[in-house]
């Protein structure tokens, strides 16, 4: 199964955000290359909020280009077998942590957001990743900083999309 086919199956099985979910499916139907950064009409991305529920905190990255506190995530790559694998790869690379596991049940949220030209949209499929006990984070080249935030501090440092992802993740837990 191709990454494209996996994305379609994941989106068809995702419950909630019906109108937004359909816009993802419509985009992919219109753009067979919609999984890849080269698709300038927009492309699917995969992200994961790294969470430590035992300590009530999340790991956020200060994105080098955007200079915003965000969950880990990015573009799908040819070696990614599934959207979930892409999210887990991104979370592992950007957090520097081995042993992350995705929360069961598939994506936690969808978030479509505009990006600068030449592309127009990121169709982000958002997961949550559980941090292993005692894991130590390491800053990647894509980050200016990497920091754990208690749940109640996230709204003061991150935008609404991250807050919504945290709320949805906590509800799933």
N, C-alpha and C. Protein backbone atom coordinates (compact mmCIF):
# COMPACT_ATOMS: atom_id res chain seq x y z
N UNK A 1 0.85 -1.18 0.00
CA UNK A 1 0.00 0.00 0.00
C UNK A 1 0.89 1.24 0.00
N UNK A 2 0.54 2.21 -0.79
CA UNK A 2 1.32 3.45 -0.86
C UNK A 2 0.97 4.37 0.31
N UNK A 3 1.83 5.34 0.54
CA UNK A 3 1.58 6.33 1.59
C UNK A 3 0.29 7.10 1.27
N UNK A 4 0.09 7.41 0.01
CA UNK A 4 -1.14 8.08 -0.42
C UNK A 4 -2.37 7.25 -0.03
N UNK A 5 -2.34 5.95 -0.37
CA UNK A 5 -3.47 5.07 -0.04
C UNK A 5 -3.69 4.99 1.46
N UNK A 6 -2.59 4.93 2.22
CA UNK A 6 -2.71 4.90 3.68
C UNK A 6 -3.38 6.18 4.17
N UNK A 7 -2.96 7.32 3.66
CA UNK A 7 -3.55 8.59 4.09
C UNK A 7 -5.05 8.62 3.82
N UNK A 8 -5.46 8.17 2.66
CA UNK A 8 -6.89 8.14 2.34
C UNK A 8 -7.64 7.24 3.32
N UNK A 9 -7.09 6.06 3.59
CA UNK A 9 -7.74 5.15 4.55
C UNK A 9 -7.81 5.74 5.95
N UNK A 10 -6.72 6.35 6.38
CA UNK A 10 -6.69 6.98 7.71
C UNK A 10 -7.75 8.07 7.79
N UNK A 11 -7.82 8.90 6.77
CA UNK A 11 -8.78 10.00 6.78
C UNK A 11 -10.21 9.51 6.70
N UNK A 12 -10.46 8.48 5.90
CA UNK A 12 -11.82 7.93 5.82
C UNK A 12 -12.25 7.33 7.15
N UNK A 13 -11.29 6.80 7.90
CA UNK A 13 -11.61 6.20 9.19
C UNK A 13 -11.61 7.17 10.36
N UNK A 14 -11.14 8.39 10.13
CA UNK A 14 -11.07 9.39 11.20
C UNK A 14 -12.47 9.90 11.52
N UNK A 15 -12.81 9.91 12.79
CA UNK A 15 -14.13 10.38 13.21
C UNK A 15 -14.01 11.77 13.82
N UNK A 16 -14.84 12.66 13.32
CA UNK A 16 -14.82 14.04 13.80
C UNK A 16 -14.32 14.97 12.73
N UNK A 17 -14.51 16.27 12.96
CA UNK A 17 -14.05 17.31 12.05
C UNK A 17 -14.45 16.97 10.61
N UNK A 18 -15.71 16.62 10.41
CA UNK A 18 -16.18 16.08 9.14
C UNK A 18 -15.90 16.97 7.93
N UNK A 19 -16.18 18.24 8.05
CA UNK A 19 -15.96 19.15 6.92
C UNK A 19 -14.48 19.27 6.58
N UNK A 20 -13.65 19.42 7.62
CA UNK A 20 -12.21 19.52 7.40
C UNK A 20 -11.66 18.20 6.84
N UNK A 21 -12.09 17.10 7.40
CA UNK A 21 -11.66 15.78 6.92
C UNK A 21 -11.99 15.62 5.44
N UNK A 22 -13.19 16.05 5.05
CA UNK A 22 -13.58 15.95 3.64
C UNK A 22 -12.71 16.84 2.76
N UNK A 23 -12.29 18.01 3.27
CA UNK A 23 -11.41 18.87 2.47
C UNK A 23 -10.06 18.20 2.24
N UNK A 24 -9.57 17.43 3.21
CA UNK A 24 -8.33 16.67 3.02
C UNK A 24 -8.54 15.63 1.91
N UNK A 25 -9.63 14.89 2.00
CA UNK A 25 -9.91 13.85 1.00
C UNK A 25 -10.10 14.45 -0.39
N UNK A 26 -10.78 15.58 -0.47
CA UNK A 26 -10.98 16.26 -1.75
C UNK A 26 -9.63 16.72 -2.32
N UNK A 27 -8.79 17.25 -1.45
CA UNK A 27 -7.47 17.70 -1.90
C UNK A 27 -6.67 16.53 -2.47
N UNK A 28 -6.67 15.41 -1.76
CA UNK A 28 -5.92 14.25 -2.24
C UNK A 28 -6.51 13.71 -3.54
N UNK A 29 -7.82 13.71 -3.66
CA UNK A 29 -8.46 13.24 -4.90
C UNK A 29 -8.06 14.12 -6.09
N UNK A 30 -7.92 15.41 -5.85
CA UNK A 30 -7.56 16.34 -6.92
C UNK A 30 -6.06 16.40 -7.18
N UNK A 31 -5.26 15.94 -6.21
CA UNK A 31 -3.81 16.05 -6.31
C UNK A 31 -3.15 14.73 -5.93
N UNK A 32 -2.91 13.85 -6.89
CA UNK A 32 -2.26 12.58 -6.59
C UNK A 32 -0.88 12.74 -5.95
N UNK A 33 -0.27 13.93 -6.11
CA UNK A 33 1.03 14.23 -5.48
C UNK A 33 0.85 14.99 -4.16
N UNK A 34 -0.36 14.99 -3.62
CA UNK A 34 -0.69 15.78 -2.43
C UNK A 34 -0.05 15.34 -1.13
N UNK A 35 0.72 14.28 -1.17
CA UNK A 35 1.46 13.84 0.02
C UNK A 35 2.82 14.50 0.11
N UNK A 36 3.25 15.15 -0.96
CA UNK A 36 4.64 15.58 -1.06
C UNK A 36 4.78 17.10 -1.06
N UNK A 37 5.87 17.55 -0.50
CA UNK A 37 6.20 18.97 -0.42
C UNK A 37 6.17 19.65 -1.79
N UNK A 38 6.46 18.91 -2.83
CA UNK A 38 6.48 19.47 -4.19
C UNK A 38 5.09 19.87 -4.69
N UNK A 39 4.04 19.43 -4.04
CA UNK A 39 2.68 19.80 -4.45
C UNK A 39 2.39 21.21 -3.92
N UNK A 40 2.47 22.18 -4.82
CA UNK A 40 2.34 23.58 -4.41
C UNK A 40 0.92 24.00 -4.07
N UNK A 41 -0.06 23.20 -4.41
CA UNK A 41 -1.44 23.50 -4.01
C UNK A 41 -1.65 23.21 -2.53
N UNK A 42 -0.70 22.51 -1.93
CA UNK A 42 -0.77 22.11 -0.53
C UNK A 42 -0.44 20.63 -0.42
N UNK A 43 -0.04 20.21 0.77
CA UNK A 43 0.35 18.82 0.94
C UNK A 43 0.10 18.37 2.37
N UNK A 44 -0.05 17.06 2.49
CA UNK A 44 -0.27 16.44 3.80
C UNK A 44 1.03 16.46 4.57
N UNK A 45 0.94 16.82 5.85
CA UNK A 45 2.06 16.73 6.76
C UNK A 45 1.63 15.86 7.94
N UNK A 46 2.58 15.45 8.75
CA UNK A 46 2.29 14.59 9.89
C UNK A 46 3.00 15.15 11.11
N UNK A 47 2.29 15.21 12.22
CA UNK A 47 2.90 15.72 13.44
C UNK A 47 2.45 14.90 14.64
N UNK A 48 3.17 15.09 15.75
CA UNK A 48 2.83 14.39 16.98
C UNK A 48 3.17 15.28 18.18
N UNK A 49 2.22 15.39 19.07
CA UNK A 49 2.44 16.08 20.33
C UNK A 49 3.06 15.07 21.29
N UNK A 50 4.30 15.35 21.72
CA UNK A 50 4.97 14.46 22.67
C UNK A 50 4.48 14.80 24.06
N UNK A 51 3.94 13.79 24.74
CA UNK A 51 3.28 14.02 26.01
C UNK A 51 3.83 13.08 27.08
N UNK A 52 3.90 13.60 28.29
CA UNK A 52 4.30 12.82 29.46
C UNK A 52 3.15 12.91 30.46
N UNK A 53 2.14 12.02 30.32
CA UNK A 53 0.96 12.14 31.18
C UNK A 53 1.24 11.92 32.66
N UNK A 54 2.29 11.16 32.98
CA UNK A 54 2.64 10.93 34.39
C UNK A 54 3.01 12.23 35.09
N UNK A 55 3.63 13.13 34.35
CA UNK A 55 4.06 14.42 34.92
C UNK A 55 3.19 15.59 34.45
N UNK A 56 2.17 15.31 33.64
CA UNK A 56 1.27 16.36 33.20
C UNK A 56 1.95 17.43 32.38
N UNK A 57 2.74 16.99 31.37
CA UNK A 57 3.49 17.97 30.59
C UNK A 57 3.62 17.52 29.14
N UNK A 58 3.93 18.48 28.28
CA UNK A 58 4.15 18.22 26.86
C UNK A 58 5.49 18.83 26.45
N UNK A 59 6.09 18.21 25.45
CA UNK A 59 7.36 18.70 24.90
C UNK A 59 7.05 19.49 23.64
N UNK A 60 7.48 20.75 23.61
CA UNK A 60 7.27 21.59 22.43
C UNK A 60 8.62 22.03 21.89
N UNK A 61 8.64 22.28 20.60
CA UNK A 61 9.85 22.75 19.94
C UNK A 61 9.65 24.20 19.50
N UNK A 62 10.68 25.00 19.70
CA UNK A 62 10.66 26.37 19.19
C UNK A 62 11.19 26.28 17.76
N UNK A 63 10.26 26.30 16.81
CA UNK A 63 10.57 26.07 15.41
C UNK A 63 11.54 27.12 14.89
N UNK A 64 12.59 26.66 14.24
CA UNK A 64 13.67 27.56 13.77
C UNK A 64 13.15 28.61 12.79
N UNK A 65 12.34 28.22 11.81
CA UNK A 65 11.87 29.17 10.80
C UNK A 65 10.68 29.99 11.28
N UNK A 66 9.74 29.35 11.93
CA UNK A 66 8.51 30.05 12.34
C UNK A 66 8.64 30.79 13.66
N UNK A 67 9.63 30.40 14.46
CA UNK A 67 9.85 31.01 15.78
C UNK A 67 8.58 30.95 16.64
N UNK A 68 7.96 29.78 16.61
CA UNK A 68 6.76 29.51 17.41
C UNK A 68 6.97 28.18 18.14
N UNK A 69 6.35 28.06 19.32
CA UNK A 69 6.35 26.79 20.03
C UNK A 69 5.28 25.89 19.40
N UNK A 70 5.72 24.73 18.91
CA UNK A 70 4.84 23.81 18.20
C UNK A 70 5.10 22.37 18.63
N UNK A 71 4.18 21.48 18.24
CA UNK A 71 4.43 20.06 18.37
C UNK A 71 5.46 19.66 17.32
N UNK A 72 6.02 18.47 17.46
CA UNK A 72 6.98 17.97 16.48
C UNK A 72 6.21 17.59 15.21
N UNK A 73 6.82 17.80 14.06
CA UNK A 73 6.14 17.40 12.84
C UNK A 73 6.81 17.94 11.60
N UNK A 74 6.31 17.47 10.46
CA UNK A 74 6.86 17.95 9.21
C UNK A 74 6.35 17.18 8.01
N UNK A 75 7.13 17.23 6.96
CA UNK A 75 6.74 16.66 5.68
C UNK A 75 6.91 15.15 5.66
N UNK A 76 6.05 14.52 4.89
CA UNK A 76 6.17 13.09 4.64
C UNK A 76 7.35 12.86 3.72
N UNK A 77 7.99 11.71 3.88
CA UNK A 77 9.15 11.36 3.07
C UNK A 77 8.90 10.03 2.37
N UNK A 78 9.59 9.79 1.24
CA UNK A 78 9.37 8.55 0.49
C UNK A 78 9.52 7.27 1.32
N UNK A 79 10.34 7.27 2.33
CA UNK A 79 10.54 6.08 3.16
C UNK A 79 9.44 5.84 4.18
N UNK A 80 8.51 6.77 4.33
CA UNK A 80 7.43 6.62 5.31
C UNK A 80 6.37 5.66 4.74
N UNK A 81 6.13 4.57 5.44
CA UNK A 81 5.15 3.59 4.97
C UNK A 81 3.73 4.04 5.25
N UNK A 82 3.54 4.82 6.33
CA UNK A 82 2.21 5.28 6.73
C UNK A 82 2.31 6.71 7.25
N UNK A 83 1.16 7.35 7.35
CA UNK A 83 1.13 8.70 7.92
C UNK A 83 1.55 8.64 9.39
N UNK A 84 1.10 7.61 10.10
CA UNK A 84 1.49 7.43 11.50
C UNK A 84 3.01 7.27 11.62
N UNK A 85 3.61 6.51 10.72
CA UNK A 85 5.06 6.33 10.74
C UNK A 85 5.78 7.66 10.49
N UNK A 86 5.23 8.49 9.61
CA UNK A 86 5.81 9.81 9.35
C UNK A 86 5.75 10.67 10.61
N UNK A 87 4.61 10.65 11.30
CA UNK A 87 4.47 11.43 12.54
C UNK A 87 5.45 10.96 13.60
N UNK A 88 5.58 9.65 13.74
CA UNK A 88 6.49 9.09 14.74
C UNK A 88 7.94 9.40 14.38
N UNK A 89 8.28 9.31 13.10
CA UNK A 89 9.64 9.65 12.66
C UNK A 89 9.96 11.10 12.98
N UNK A 90 9.04 12.00 12.63
CA UNK A 90 9.25 13.42 12.91
C UNK A 90 9.41 13.69 14.40
N UNK A 91 8.55 13.07 15.20
CA UNK A 91 8.61 13.27 16.65
C UNK A 91 9.93 12.76 17.22
N UNK A 92 10.38 11.62 16.72
CA UNK A 92 11.65 11.04 17.19
C UNK A 92 12.82 11.92 16.78
N UNK A 93 12.85 12.35 15.51
CA UNK A 93 13.94 13.20 15.02
C UNK A 93 14.00 14.52 15.77
N UNK A 94 12.86 15.16 15.92
CA UNK A 94 12.86 16.51 16.49
C UNK A 94 12.97 16.54 18.01
N UNK A 95 12.59 15.44 18.67
CA UNK A 95 12.71 15.40 20.13
C UNK A 95 14.03 14.78 20.58
N UNK A 96 14.65 14.01 19.69
CA UNK A 96 15.86 13.30 20.05
C UNK A 96 15.61 12.10 20.96
N UNK A 97 14.35 11.71 21.11
CA UNK A 97 13.98 10.63 22.03
C UNK A 97 13.72 9.33 21.29
N UNK A 98 14.35 8.27 21.77
CA UNK A 98 14.03 6.94 21.28
C UNK A 98 12.88 6.39 22.13
N UNK A 99 12.13 5.47 21.57
CA UNK A 99 11.10 4.79 22.35
C UNK A 99 9.76 5.48 22.45
N UNK A 100 9.54 6.52 21.65
CA UNK A 100 8.22 7.15 21.63
C UNK A 100 7.21 6.15 21.06
N UNK A 101 5.99 6.20 21.56
CA UNK A 101 4.92 5.36 21.01
C UNK A 101 3.70 6.24 20.77
N UNK A 102 3.05 6.01 19.64
CA UNK A 102 1.85 6.79 19.34
C UNK A 102 0.69 6.31 20.19
N UNK A 103 -0.11 7.26 20.63
CA UNK A 103 -1.33 6.94 21.35
C UNK A 103 -2.22 6.13 20.42
N UNK A 104 -2.81 5.03 20.88
CA UNK A 104 -3.67 4.22 20.02
C UNK A 104 -4.90 5.00 19.55
N UNK A 105 -5.46 4.53 18.46
CA UNK A 105 -6.71 5.12 17.98
C UNK A 105 -6.55 6.04 16.79
N UNK A 106 -5.36 6.14 16.22
CA UNK A 106 -5.17 6.98 15.04
C UNK A 106 -4.97 8.44 15.36
N UNK A 107 -5.17 9.30 14.37
CA UNK A 107 -4.94 10.74 14.58
C UNK A 107 -5.82 11.29 15.70
N UNK A 108 -5.30 12.29 16.37
CA UNK A 108 -6.04 12.97 17.44
C UNK A 108 -6.83 14.14 16.87
N UNK A 109 -6.25 14.82 15.88
CA UNK A 109 -6.88 15.99 15.27
C UNK A 109 -6.37 16.17 13.85
N UNK A 110 -7.07 17.03 13.12
CA UNK A 110 -6.61 17.52 11.83
C UNK A 110 -6.47 19.03 11.97
N UNK A 111 -5.48 19.60 11.30
CA UNK A 111 -5.31 21.05 11.34
C UNK A 111 -4.76 21.51 9.99
N UNK A 112 -5.58 22.23 9.25
CA UNK A 112 -5.15 22.80 7.97
C UNK A 112 -4.77 24.24 8.21
N UNK A 113 -3.56 24.62 7.77
CA UNK A 113 -3.11 25.99 7.98
C UNK A 113 -2.33 26.49 6.76
N UNK A 114 -2.46 27.79 6.50
CA UNK A 114 -1.75 28.37 5.35
C UNK A 114 -0.25 28.43 5.63
N UNK A 115 0.53 28.32 4.55
CA UNK A 115 1.98 28.44 4.64
C UNK A 115 2.46 29.38 3.54
N UNK A 116 3.66 29.92 3.68
CA UNK A 116 4.15 30.87 2.68
C UNK A 116 4.35 30.21 1.31
N UNK A 117 4.28 31.04 0.27
CA UNK A 117 4.52 30.58 -1.10
C UNK A 117 5.91 29.95 -1.19
N UNK A 118 6.10 28.99 -2.10
CA UNK A 118 5.25 28.69 -3.24
C UNK A 118 4.09 27.76 -2.90
N UNK A 119 4.14 27.11 -1.76
CA UNK A 119 3.02 26.24 -1.38
C UNK A 119 1.92 27.09 -0.76
N UNK A 120 0.77 26.48 -0.54
CA UNK A 120 -0.34 27.25 0.00
C UNK A 120 -0.89 26.70 1.31
N UNK A 121 -0.92 25.36 1.45
CA UNK A 121 -1.54 24.78 2.64
C UNK A 121 -0.77 23.57 3.16
N UNK A 122 -0.77 23.44 4.46
CA UNK A 122 -0.38 22.18 5.11
C UNK A 122 -1.66 21.54 5.60
N UNK A 123 -1.86 20.30 5.22
CA UNK A 123 -2.98 19.48 5.69
C UNK A 123 -2.39 18.54 6.75
N UNK A 124 -2.30 19.04 7.98
CA UNK A 124 -1.59 18.32 9.02
C UNK A 124 -2.46 17.25 9.67
N UNK A 125 -1.95 16.04 9.73
CA UNK A 125 -2.59 14.92 10.41
C UNK A 125 -1.85 14.79 11.74
N UNK A 126 -2.55 15.05 12.84
CA UNK A 126 -1.91 15.20 14.14
C UNK A 126 -2.16 14.00 15.05
N UNK A 127 -1.07 13.46 15.57
CA UNK A 127 -1.09 12.34 16.49
C UNK A 127 -0.57 12.81 17.85
N UNK A 128 -0.59 11.91 18.82
CA UNK A 128 0.04 12.15 20.12
C UNK A 128 1.01 11.01 20.36
N UNK A 129 2.19 11.34 20.88
CA UNK A 129 3.22 10.34 21.17
C UNK A 129 3.53 10.36 22.66
N UNK A 130 3.52 9.18 23.25
CA UNK A 130 3.84 9.06 24.67
C UNK A 130 5.35 8.95 24.84
N UNK A 131 5.88 9.79 25.73
CA UNK A 131 7.31 9.76 26.02
C UNK A 131 7.60 8.62 26.99
N UNK A 132 8.66 7.87 26.76
CA UNK A 132 9.01 6.82 27.70
C UNK A 132 9.50 7.43 29.02
N UNK A 133 9.31 6.71 30.08
CA UNK A 133 9.74 7.18 31.40
C UNK A 133 11.24 7.47 31.39
N UNK A 134 11.61 8.63 31.89
CA UNK A 134 13.01 9.01 32.00
C UNK A 134 13.67 9.46 30.71
N UNK A 135 12.90 9.62 29.64
CA UNK A 135 13.47 10.03 28.36
C UNK A 135 14.05 11.44 28.45
N UNK A 136 15.16 11.63 27.75
CA UNK A 136 15.82 12.93 27.72
C UNK A 136 15.73 13.48 26.30
N UNK A 137 15.27 14.72 26.19
CA UNK A 137 15.12 15.36 24.88
C UNK A 137 16.45 15.96 24.43
N UNK A 138 16.64 16.04 23.11
CA UNK A 138 17.82 16.66 22.52
C UNK A 138 17.39 17.53 21.35
N UNK A 139 17.85 18.74 21.32
CA UNK A 139 17.47 19.71 20.29
C UNK A 139 18.03 19.29 18.93
N UNK A 140 17.17 19.36 17.91
CA UNK A 140 17.59 19.04 16.54
C UNK A 140 17.96 20.32 15.80
N UNK A 141 18.45 20.16 14.58
CA UNK A 141 18.80 21.32 13.75
C UNK A 141 17.59 22.15 13.37
N UNK A 142 16.39 21.57 13.46
CA UNK A 142 15.19 22.29 13.06
C UNK A 142 14.63 23.17 14.18
N UNK A 143 15.22 23.07 15.36
CA UNK A 143 14.68 23.78 16.52
C UNK A 143 15.66 24.80 17.07
N UNK A 144 15.11 25.87 17.62
CA UNK A 144 15.91 26.81 18.38
C UNK A 144 15.97 26.40 19.85
N UNK A 145 14.91 25.72 20.29
CA UNK A 145 14.83 25.26 21.67
C UNK A 145 13.84 24.10 21.74
N UNK A 146 13.91 23.38 22.82
CA UNK A 146 13.03 22.25 23.07
C UNK A 146 12.77 22.27 24.57
N UNK A 147 11.49 22.26 24.95
CA UNK A 147 11.20 22.43 26.37
C UNK A 147 9.90 21.73 26.76
N UNK A 148 9.91 21.18 27.98
CA UNK A 148 8.70 20.60 28.57
C UNK A 148 7.87 21.73 29.17
N UNK A 149 6.56 21.69 28.92
CA UNK A 149 5.64 22.65 29.49
C UNK A 149 4.52 21.91 30.22
N UNK A 150 4.20 22.34 31.46
CA UNK A 150 3.02 21.78 32.12
C UNK A 150 1.78 22.10 31.27
N UNK A 151 0.79 21.22 31.33
CA UNK A 151 -0.43 21.42 30.54
C UNK A 151 -0.96 22.85 30.65
N UNK A 152 -1.02 23.37 31.87
CA UNK A 152 -1.66 24.67 32.08
C UNK A 152 -0.83 25.86 31.58
N UNK A 153 0.39 25.64 31.12
CA UNK A 153 1.22 26.73 30.58
C UNK A 153 1.21 26.78 29.05
N UNK A 154 0.69 25.74 28.42
CA UNK A 154 0.76 25.66 26.95
C UNK A 154 0.05 26.83 26.29
N UNK A 155 -1.11 27.22 26.78
CA UNK A 155 -1.86 28.33 26.17
C UNK A 155 -1.09 29.65 26.23
N UNK A 156 -0.18 29.79 27.17
CA UNK A 156 0.56 31.05 27.28
C UNK A 156 1.78 31.11 26.35
N UNK A 157 2.17 29.97 25.76
CA UNK A 157 3.34 29.98 24.88
C UNK A 157 3.03 29.57 23.44
N UNK A 158 1.97 28.81 23.25
CA UNK A 158 1.68 28.26 21.92
C UNK A 158 0.38 28.82 21.36
N UNK A 159 0.18 28.63 20.07
CA UNK A 159 -1.05 29.12 19.46
C UNK A 159 -2.21 28.17 19.71
N UNK A 160 -3.39 28.58 19.22
CA UNK A 160 -4.63 27.82 19.47
C UNK A 160 -4.59 26.41 18.91
N UNK A 161 -3.88 26.21 17.79
CA UNK A 161 -3.84 24.86 17.21
C UNK A 161 -3.16 23.87 18.15
N UNK A 162 -2.13 24.30 18.84
CA UNK A 162 -1.44 23.44 19.79
C UNK A 162 -2.32 23.20 21.02
N UNK A 163 -3.01 24.24 21.46
CA UNK A 163 -3.91 24.10 22.60
C UNK A 163 -5.03 23.11 22.27
N UNK A 164 -5.60 23.21 21.07
CA UNK A 164 -6.65 22.27 20.65
C UNK A 164 -6.12 20.84 20.58
N UNK A 165 -4.89 20.69 20.09
CA UNK A 165 -4.28 19.37 20.02
C UNK A 165 -4.06 18.80 21.42
N UNK A 166 -3.60 19.61 22.33
CA UNK A 166 -3.41 19.16 23.71
C UNK A 166 -4.75 18.77 24.33
N UNK A 167 -5.77 19.59 24.14
CA UNK A 167 -7.10 19.28 24.70
C UNK A 167 -7.62 17.95 24.14
N UNK A 168 -7.48 17.74 22.85
CA UNK A 168 -7.95 16.51 22.22
C UNK A 168 -7.14 15.31 22.72
N UNK A 169 -5.86 15.51 22.90
CA UNK A 169 -4.99 14.43 23.40
C UNK A 169 -5.38 14.05 24.82
N UNK A 170 -5.59 15.05 25.65
CA UNK A 170 -5.98 14.78 27.05
C UNK A 170 -7.34 14.08 27.10
N UNK A 171 -8.24 14.45 26.22
CA UNK A 171 -9.55 13.78 26.17
C UNK A 171 -9.38 12.32 25.75
N UNK A 172 -8.47 12.05 24.84
CA UNK A 172 -8.20 10.69 24.39
C UNK A 172 -7.59 9.86 25.51
N UNK A 173 -6.75 10.48 26.33
CA UNK A 173 -6.12 9.76 27.44
C UNK A 173 -7.17 9.33 28.44
